[in-house]
Amino acid sequence: MNFIEANKSFLAKFATFKGRAPRSEYWWATASVFLFSIILIALGIEREVAKVLLILIIGLPYSAVCVRRCHDTGKSGWFLFIPLYPIYLLGFAGSENKTNQHGPCPSK
């Protein structure tokens, strides 16, 4: 999944907590959030205002892609609340290459 495909999926499924998201969709979404925050700061928006804008605009879609990424590894979205475990789970854990309780294996 390339940058454009991943961002289309990220924004199209902005409130979809069901299903699965491949590692590439998660990482491209993370890169997009980072770029969006850099743009806000470059425009001269105060840091506190930028944080609020990020939470309001990107918070729900980013949470959804994180939960779908957990589902892709065969775990529940509740695993995001375990300290430090999400770093491994979201960024490094491999996908289940078969259909699991959250749906079929997404395209890479």
C-alpha atoms as a PDB file:
ATOM      1  CA  MET A   1       0.000   0.000   0.000  1.00  0.00           C
ATOM      2  CA  ASN A   2       1.517   3.324  -1.039  1.00  0.00           C
ATOM      3  CA  PHE A   3       1.122   6.756   0.575  1.00  0.00           C
ATOM      4  CA  ILE A   4      -1.954   7.810  -1.437  1.00  0.00           C
ATOM      5  CA  GLU A   5      -3.799   4.480  -1.089  1.00  0.00           C
ATOM      6  CA  ALA A   6      -3.076   4.375   2.642  1.00  0.00           C
ATOM      7  CA  ASN A   7      -4.322   7.923   3.214  1.00  0.00           C
ATOM      8  CA  LYS A   8      -7.464   7.310   1.165  1.00  0.00           C
ATOM      9  CA  SER A   9      -8.201   4.276   3.312  1.00  0.00           C
ATOM     10  CA  PHE A  10      -7.243   6.150   6.501  1.00  0.00           C
ATOM     11  CA  LEU A  11      -9.646   9.011   5.740  1.00  0.00           C
ATOM     12  CA  ALA A  12     -12.415   6.888   4.191  1.00  0.00           C
ATOM     13  CA  LYS A  13     -12.561   4.694   7.307  1.00  0.00           C
ATOM     14  CA  PHE A  14     -12.185   7.625   9.718  1.00  0.00           C
ATOM     15  CA  ALA A  15     -14.649   6.192  12.266  1.00  0.00           C
ATOM     16  CA  THR A  16     -14.480   2.489  11.412  1.00  0.00           C
ATOM     17  CA  PHE A  17     -13.186   0.488  14.344  1.00  0.00           C
ATOM     18  CA  LYS A  18     -14.076  -2.879  12.797  1.00  0.00           C
ATOM     19  CA  GLY A  19     -11.921  -4.715  10.324  1.00  0.00           C
ATOM     20  CA  ARG A  20      -8.182  -4.803   9.785  1.00  0.00           C
ATOM     21  CA  ALA A  21      -5.475  -2.365   8.679  1.00  0.00           C
ATOM     22  CA  PRO A  22      -2.086  -3.519   7.354  1.00  0.00           C
ATOM     23  CA  ARG A  23       1.146  -2.218   8.826  1.00  0.00           C
ATOM     24  CA  SER A  24       1.709   0.024   5.785  1.00  0.00           C
ATOM     25  CA  GLU A  25      -1.627   1.825   6.306  1.00  0.00           C
ATOM     26  CA  TYR A  26      -0.751   2.424   9.954  1.00  0.00           C
ATOM     27  CA  TRP A  27       2.730   3.796   9.190  1.00  0.00           C
ATOM     28  CA  TRP A  28       1.545   6.048   6.345  1.00  0.00           C
ATOM     29  CA  ALA A  29      -1.221   7.380   8.614  1.00  0.00           C
ATOM     30  CA  THR A  30       1.400   8.066  11.292  1.00  0.00           C
ATOM     31  CA  ALA A  31       3.555   9.902   8.748  1.00  0.00           C
ATOM     32  CA  SER A  32       0.530  11.958   7.639  1.00  0.00           C
ATOM     33  CA  VAL A  33      -0.268  12.980  11.221  1.00  0.00           C
ATOM     34  CA  PHE A  34       3.380  13.998  11.695  1.00  0.00           C
ATOM     35  CA  LEU A  35       3.358  16.052   8.467  1.00  0.00           C
ATOM     36  CA  PHE A  36       0.058  17.682   9.435  1.00  0.00           C
ATOM     37  CA  SER A  37       1.533  18.737  12.783  1.00  0.00           C
ATOM     38  CA  ILE A  38       4.661  20.137  11.080  1.00  0.00           C
ATOM     39  CA  ILE A  39       2.453  22.137   8.699  1.00  0.00           C
ATOM     40  CA  LEU A  40       0.451  23.577  11.611  1.00  0.00           C
ATOM     41  CA  ILE A  41       3.637  24.666  13.366  1.00  0.00           C
ATOM     42  CA  ALA A  42       5.120  26.054  10.115  1.00  0.00           C
ATOM     43  CA  LEU A  43       1.997  28.164   9.636  1.00  0.00           C
ATOM     44  CA  GLY A  44       2.778  29.797  12.957  1.00  0.00           C
ATOM     45  CA  ILE A  45      -0.091  28.290  14.890  1.00  0.00           C
ATOM     46  CA  GLU A  46       0.655  28.229  18.595  1.00  0.00           C
ATOM     47  CA  ARG A  47       1.677  24.865  19.994  1.00  0.00           C
ATOM     48  CA  GLU A  48      -1.361  24.549  22.286  1.00  0.00           C
ATOM     49  CA  VAL A  49      -3.771  25.442  19.488  1.00  0.00           C
ATOM     50  CA  ALA A  50      -1.992  22.974  17.194  1.00  0.00           C
ATOM     51  CA  LYS A  51      -2.454  20.200  19.770  1.00  0.00           C
ATOM     52  CA  VAL A  52      -6.177  20.908  20.039  1.00  0.00           C
ATOM     53  CA  LEU A  53      -6.555  20.975  16.245  1.00  0.00           C
ATOM     54  CA  LEU A  54      -4.700  17.667  15.917  1.00  0.00           C
ATOM     55  CA  ILE A  55      -6.904  16.031  18.527  1.00  0.00           C
ATOM     56  CA  LEU A  56     -10.121  17.371  17.011  1.00  0.00           C
ATOM     57  CA  ILE A  57      -9.286  16.711  13.368  1.00  0.00           C
ATOM     58  CA  ILE A  58      -7.075  13.620  13.460  1.00  0.00           C
ATOM     59  CA  GLY A  59      -7.893  12.014  16.831  1.00  0.00           C
ATOM     60  CA  LEU A  60     -10.820   9.814  15.786  1.00  0.00           C
ATOM     61  CA  PRO A  61      -9.388   8.596  12.450  1.00  0.00           C
ATOM     62  CA  TYR A  62      -6.000   7.855  14.013  1.00  0.00           C
ATOM     63  CA  SER A  63      -7.601   5.952  16.896  1.00  0.00           C
ATOM     64  CA  ALA A  64      -9.602   3.923  14.385  1.00  0.00           C
ATOM     65  CA  VAL A  65      -6.543   2.952  12.327  1.00  0.00           C
ATOM     66  CA  CYS A  66      -4.713   1.950  15.530  1.00  0.00           C
ATOM     67  CA  VAL A  67      -7.582  -0.323  16.580  1.00  0.00           C
ATOM     68  CA  ARG A  68      -7.775  -1.842  13.084  1.00  0.00           C
ATOM     69  CA  ARG A  69      -4.005  -2.440  13.212  1.00  0.00           C
ATOM     70  CA  CYS A  70      -4.466  -4.312  16.509  1.00  0.00           C
ATOM     71  CA  HIS A  71      -7.153  -6.405  14.831  1.00  0.00           C
ATOM     72  CA  ASP A  72      -4.719  -7.206  12.019  1.00  0.00           C
ATOM     73  CA  THR A  73      -2.352  -8.795  14.526  1.00  0.00           C
ATOM     74  CA  GLY A  74      -5.207 -10.811  16.023  1.00  0.00           C
ATOM     75  CA  LYS A  75      -5.513  -8.695  19.164  1.00  0.00           C
ATOM     76  CA  SER A  76      -8.330  -6.609  20.581  1.00  0.00           C
ATOM     77  CA  GLY A  77      -8.201  -2.816  20.380  1.00  0.00           C
ATOM     78  CA  TRP A  78      -8.117  -2.774  24.188  1.00  0.00           C
ATOM     79  CA  PHE A  79      -4.447  -3.806  23.999  1.00  0.00           C
ATOM     80  CA  LEU A  80      -3.712  -0.140  23.192  1.00  0.00           C
ATOM     81  CA  PHE A  81      -4.198   0.662  26.884  1.00  0.00           C
ATOM     82  CA  ILE A  82      -1.342  -1.582  28.067  1.00  0.00           C
ATOM     83  CA  PRO A  83       1.712   0.651  28.690  1.00  0.00           C
ATOM     84  CA  LEU A  84       4.474   0.314  26.054  1.00  0.00           C
ATOM     85  CA  TYR A  85       2.846  -2.727  24.426  1.00  0.00           C
ATOM     86  CA  PRO A  86       1.282  -0.667  21.605  1.00  0.00           C
ATOM     87  CA  ILE A  87       4.764   0.294  20.366  1.00  0.00           C
ATOM     88  CA  TYR A  88       5.454  -3.343  19.561  1.00  0.00           C
ATOM     89  CA  LEU A  89       1.918  -4.218  18.545  1.00  0.00           C
ATOM     90  CA  LEU A  90       1.322  -1.352  16.129  1.00  0.00           C
ATOM     91  CA  GLY A  91       4.716  -0.938  14.563  1.00  0.00           C
ATOM     92  CA  PHE A  92       6.483  -4.247  14.602  1.00  0.00           C
ATOM     93  CA  ALA A  93       4.092  -7.162  15.119  1.00  0.00           C
ATOM     94  CA  GLY A  94       3.356  -9.089  11.973  1.00  0.00           C
ATOM     95  CA  SER A  95      -0.066  -9.512  10.450  1.00  0.00           C
ATOM     96  CA  GLU A  96      -2.000 -12.731  10.701  1.00  0.00           C
ATOM     97  CA  ASN A  97      -1.876 -14.056   7.149  1.00  0.00           C
ATOM     98  CA  LYS A  98      -5.222 -15.748   7.486  1.00  0.00           C
ATOM     99  CA  THR A  99      -8.772 -14.707   8.231  1.00  0.00           C
ATOM    100  CA  ASN A 100      -9.255 -14.014  11.928  1.00  0.00           C
ATOM    101  CA  GLN A 101     -12.269 -12.938  14.018  1.00  0.00           C
ATOM    102  CA  HIS A 102     -11.873  -9.368  12.676  1.00  0.00           C
ATOM    103  CA  GLY A 103     -12.033 -10.221   8.978  1.00  0.00           C
ATOM    104  CA  PRO A 104      -9.944 -11.379   6.032  1.00  0.00           C
ATOM    105  CA  CYS A 105      -6.290 -10.490   5.618  1.00  0.00           C
ATOM    106  CA  PRO A 106      -5.973  -6.980   4.093  1.00  0.00           C
ATOM    107  CA  SER A 107      -3.759  -6.265   1.112  1.00  0.00           C
ATOM    108  CA  LYS A 108      -0.248  -5.242   2.065  1.00  0.00           C
END
